[in-house]
């Protein structure tokens, strides 16, 4: 997979699977959350291929490594900012199990 887009303070649109999962828990997610420090995608996002998947920051560092997203890779904001600055568009990304 390759990095196809890079965004600073990205807007967050929850994926359908997450909306359905949270609805079963009685929680209604917003259709969109504008990019800012309170946004779940954090400070930067690297979009992967044509998918909804991203490498992104988070405003909830305790969620890193947890099943909190729908397939995205979360990082501390300061780490994703560093990665964002060093990675170019079309860079190859390998995600290993």
C-alpha atoms as a PDB file:
ATOM      1  CA  UNK A   1       0.000   0.000   0.000  1.00  0.00           C
ATOM      2  CA  UNK A   2       1.185   3.571  -0.591  1.00  0.00           C
ATOM      3  CA  UNK A   3       0.618   6.968   1.024  1.00  0.00           C
ATOM      4  CA  UNK A   4      -1.852   8.720  -1.281  1.00  0.00           C
ATOM      5  CA  UNK A   5      -2.694  11.819   0.751  1.00  0.00           C
ATOM      6  CA  UNK A   6      -1.277  13.785   3.686  1.00  0.00           C
ATOM      7  CA  UNK A   7      -3.447  16.113   5.770  1.00  0.00           C
ATOM      8  CA  UNK A   8      -2.668  18.443   8.679  1.00  0.00           C
ATOM      9  CA  UNK A   9      -5.439  18.533  11.312  1.00  0.00           C
ATOM     10  CA  UNK A  10      -7.759  16.308   9.231  1.00  0.00           C
ATOM     11  CA  UNK A  11     -11.531  16.239   9.554  1.00  0.00           C
ATOM     12  CA  UNK A  12     -12.843  12.941  10.917  1.00  0.00           C
ATOM     13  CA  UNK A  13     -15.760  11.110   9.329  1.00  0.00           C
ATOM     14  CA  UNK A  14     -16.475   7.901  11.240  1.00  0.00           C
ATOM     15  CA  UNK A  15     -16.642   4.831   8.983  1.00  0.00           C
ATOM     16  CA  UNK A  16     -19.952   2.984   8.583  1.00  0.00           C
ATOM     17  CA  UNK A  17     -18.708   0.008  10.609  1.00  0.00           C
ATOM     18  CA  UNK A  18     -17.829   2.253  13.542  1.00  0.00           C
ATOM     19  CA  UNK A  19     -21.164   4.093  13.357  1.00  0.00           C
ATOM     20  CA  UNK A  20     -23.012   0.740  13.434  1.00  0.00           C
ATOM     21  CA  UNK A  21     -20.823  -0.631  16.238  1.00  0.00           C
ATOM     22  CA  UNK A  22     -21.331   2.443  18.416  1.00  0.00           C
ATOM     23  CA  UNK A  23     -25.066   2.574  17.646  1.00  0.00           C
ATOM     24  CA  UNK A  24     -25.413  -0.940  19.108  1.00  0.00           C
ATOM     25  CA  UNK A  25     -23.867   0.467  22.296  1.00  0.00           C
ATOM     26  CA  UNK A  26     -26.448   3.264  22.328  1.00  0.00           C
ATOM     27  CA  UNK A  27     -23.935   5.895  21.200  1.00  0.00           C
ATOM     28  CA  UNK A  28     -24.566   8.223  18.247  1.00  0.00           C
ATOM     29  CA  UNK A  29     -21.465   9.470  16.455  1.00  0.00           C
ATOM     30  CA  UNK A  30     -21.406  12.787  14.589  1.00  0.00           C
ATOM     31  CA  UNK A  31     -21.304  12.726  10.781  1.00  0.00           C
ATOM     32  CA  UNK A  32     -18.084  14.779  10.838  1.00  0.00           C
ATOM     33  CA  UNK A  33     -15.716  16.326  13.368  1.00  0.00           C
ATOM     34  CA  UNK A  34     -13.707  19.252  12.024  1.00  0.00           C
ATOM     35  CA  UNK A  35      -9.922  19.037  12.351  1.00  0.00           C
ATOM     36  CA  UNK A  36      -8.566  20.621  15.534  1.00  0.00           C
ATOM     37  CA  UNK A  37      -6.871  19.445  18.759  1.00  0.00           C
ATOM     38  CA  UNK A  38     -10.151  17.833  19.918  1.00  0.00           C
ATOM     39  CA  UNK A  39     -10.469  15.708  16.776  1.00  0.00           C
ATOM     40  CA  UNK A  40      -9.928  11.919  17.116  1.00  0.00           C
ATOM     41  CA  UNK A  41      -7.564  11.879  14.086  1.00  0.00           C
ATOM     42  CA  UNK A  42      -5.092  14.092  15.886  1.00  0.00           C
ATOM     43  CA  UNK A  43      -2.550  16.415  14.348  1.00  0.00           C
ATOM     44  CA  UNK A  44      -1.770  14.628  11.070  1.00  0.00           C
ATOM     45  CA  UNK A  45      -3.018  11.801   8.877  1.00  0.00           C
ATOM     46  CA  UNK A  46      -1.349   9.766   6.147  1.00  0.00           C
ATOM     47  CA  UNK A  47      -4.030   8.158   3.963  1.00  0.00           C
ATOM     48  CA  UNK A  48      -3.263   4.694   2.588  1.00  0.00           C
ATOM     49  CA  UNK A  49      -4.235   3.748  -0.957  1.00  0.00           C
ATOM     50  CA  UNK A  50      -7.865   4.262  -1.905  1.00  0.00           C
ATOM     51  CA  UNK A  51      -9.046   2.908   1.405  1.00  0.00           C
ATOM     52  CA  UNK A  52     -10.478   4.578   4.504  1.00  0.00           C
ATOM     53  CA  UNK A  53      -7.349   3.479   6.393  1.00  0.00           C
ATOM     54  CA  UNK A  54      -4.851   5.956   7.742  1.00  0.00           C
ATOM     55  CA  UNK A  55      -1.828   6.356   9.932  1.00  0.00           C
ATOM     56  CA  UNK A  56      -2.865   9.181  12.228  1.00  0.00           C
ATOM     57  CA  UNK A  57      -2.364  10.901  15.535  1.00  0.00           C
ATOM     58  CA  UNK A  58      -4.814  10.880  18.388  1.00  0.00           C
ATOM     59  CA  UNK A  59      -6.088  13.104  21.166  1.00  0.00           C
ATOM     60  CA  UNK A  60      -6.556   9.923  23.250  1.00  0.00           C
ATOM     61  CA  UNK A  61      -3.052   8.444  23.712  1.00  0.00           C
ATOM     62  CA  UNK A  62      -4.333   5.648  25.986  1.00  0.00           C
ATOM     63  CA  UNK A  63      -6.247   4.268  22.981  1.00  0.00           C
ATOM     64  CA  UNK A  64      -3.018   3.462  21.082  1.00  0.00           C
ATOM     65  CA  UNK A  65      -2.709  -0.292  20.653  1.00  0.00           C
ATOM     66  CA  UNK A  66      -6.347  -0.871  21.566  1.00  0.00           C
ATOM     67  CA  UNK A  67      -9.172  -1.911  19.261  1.00  0.00           C
ATOM     68  CA  UNK A  68     -10.450   1.664  19.244  1.00  0.00           C
ATOM     69  CA  UNK A  69     -10.457   2.369  15.530  1.00  0.00           C
ATOM     70  CA  UNK A  70     -11.651   0.577  12.414  1.00  0.00           C
ATOM     71  CA  UNK A  71      -8.303  -0.557  11.057  1.00  0.00           C
ATOM     72  CA  UNK A  72      -6.321   2.669  11.302  1.00  0.00           C
ATOM     73  CA  UNK A  73      -2.897   2.932  12.908  1.00  0.00           C
ATOM     74  CA  UNK A  74      -2.778   5.431  15.772  1.00  0.00           C
ATOM     75  CA  UNK A  75       0.324   7.231  16.967  1.00  0.00           C
ATOM     76  CA  UNK A  76       1.142   9.930  19.490  1.00  0.00           C
ATOM     77  CA  UNK A  77       0.634  13.335  17.867  1.00  0.00           C
ATOM     78  CA  UNK A  78       4.332  14.240  18.196  1.00  0.00           C
ATOM     79  CA  UNK A  79       5.322  10.957  16.495  1.00  0.00           C
ATOM     80  CA  UNK A  80       2.877  11.295  13.611  1.00  0.00           C
ATOM     81  CA  UNK A  81       3.990  14.912  13.046  1.00  0.00           C
ATOM     82  CA  UNK A  82       7.596  13.679  12.738  1.00  0.00           C
ATOM     83  CA  UNK A  83       6.546  10.864  10.372  1.00  0.00           C
ATOM     84  CA  UNK A  84       4.390  13.265   8.318  1.00  0.00           C
ATOM     85  CA  UNK A  85       7.364  15.587   7.860  1.00  0.00           C
ATOM     86  CA  UNK A  86       9.665  12.748   6.724  1.00  0.00           C
ATOM     87  CA  UNK A  87       7.355  10.657   4.494  1.00  0.00           C
ATOM     88  CA  UNK A  88       6.580  11.622   0.921  1.00  0.00           C
ATOM     89  CA  UNK A  89       3.483  10.904  -1.118  1.00  0.00           C
ATOM     90  CA  UNK A  90       3.574   7.501  -2.785  1.00  0.00           C
ATOM     91  CA  UNK A  91       5.874   6.131  -0.048  1.00  0.00           C
ATOM     92  CA  UNK A  92       5.349   2.387   0.352  1.00  0.00           C
ATOM     93  CA  UNK A  93       3.807   1.261   3.653  1.00  0.00           C
ATOM     94  CA  UNK A  94       4.075  -2.322   4.906  1.00  0.00           C
ATOM     95  CA  UNK A  95       1.853  -3.326   7.814  1.00  0.00           C
ATOM     96  CA  UNK A  96       2.958  -6.611   9.340  1.00  0.00           C
ATOM     97  CA  UNK A  97       0.908  -8.774  11.718  1.00  0.00           C
END
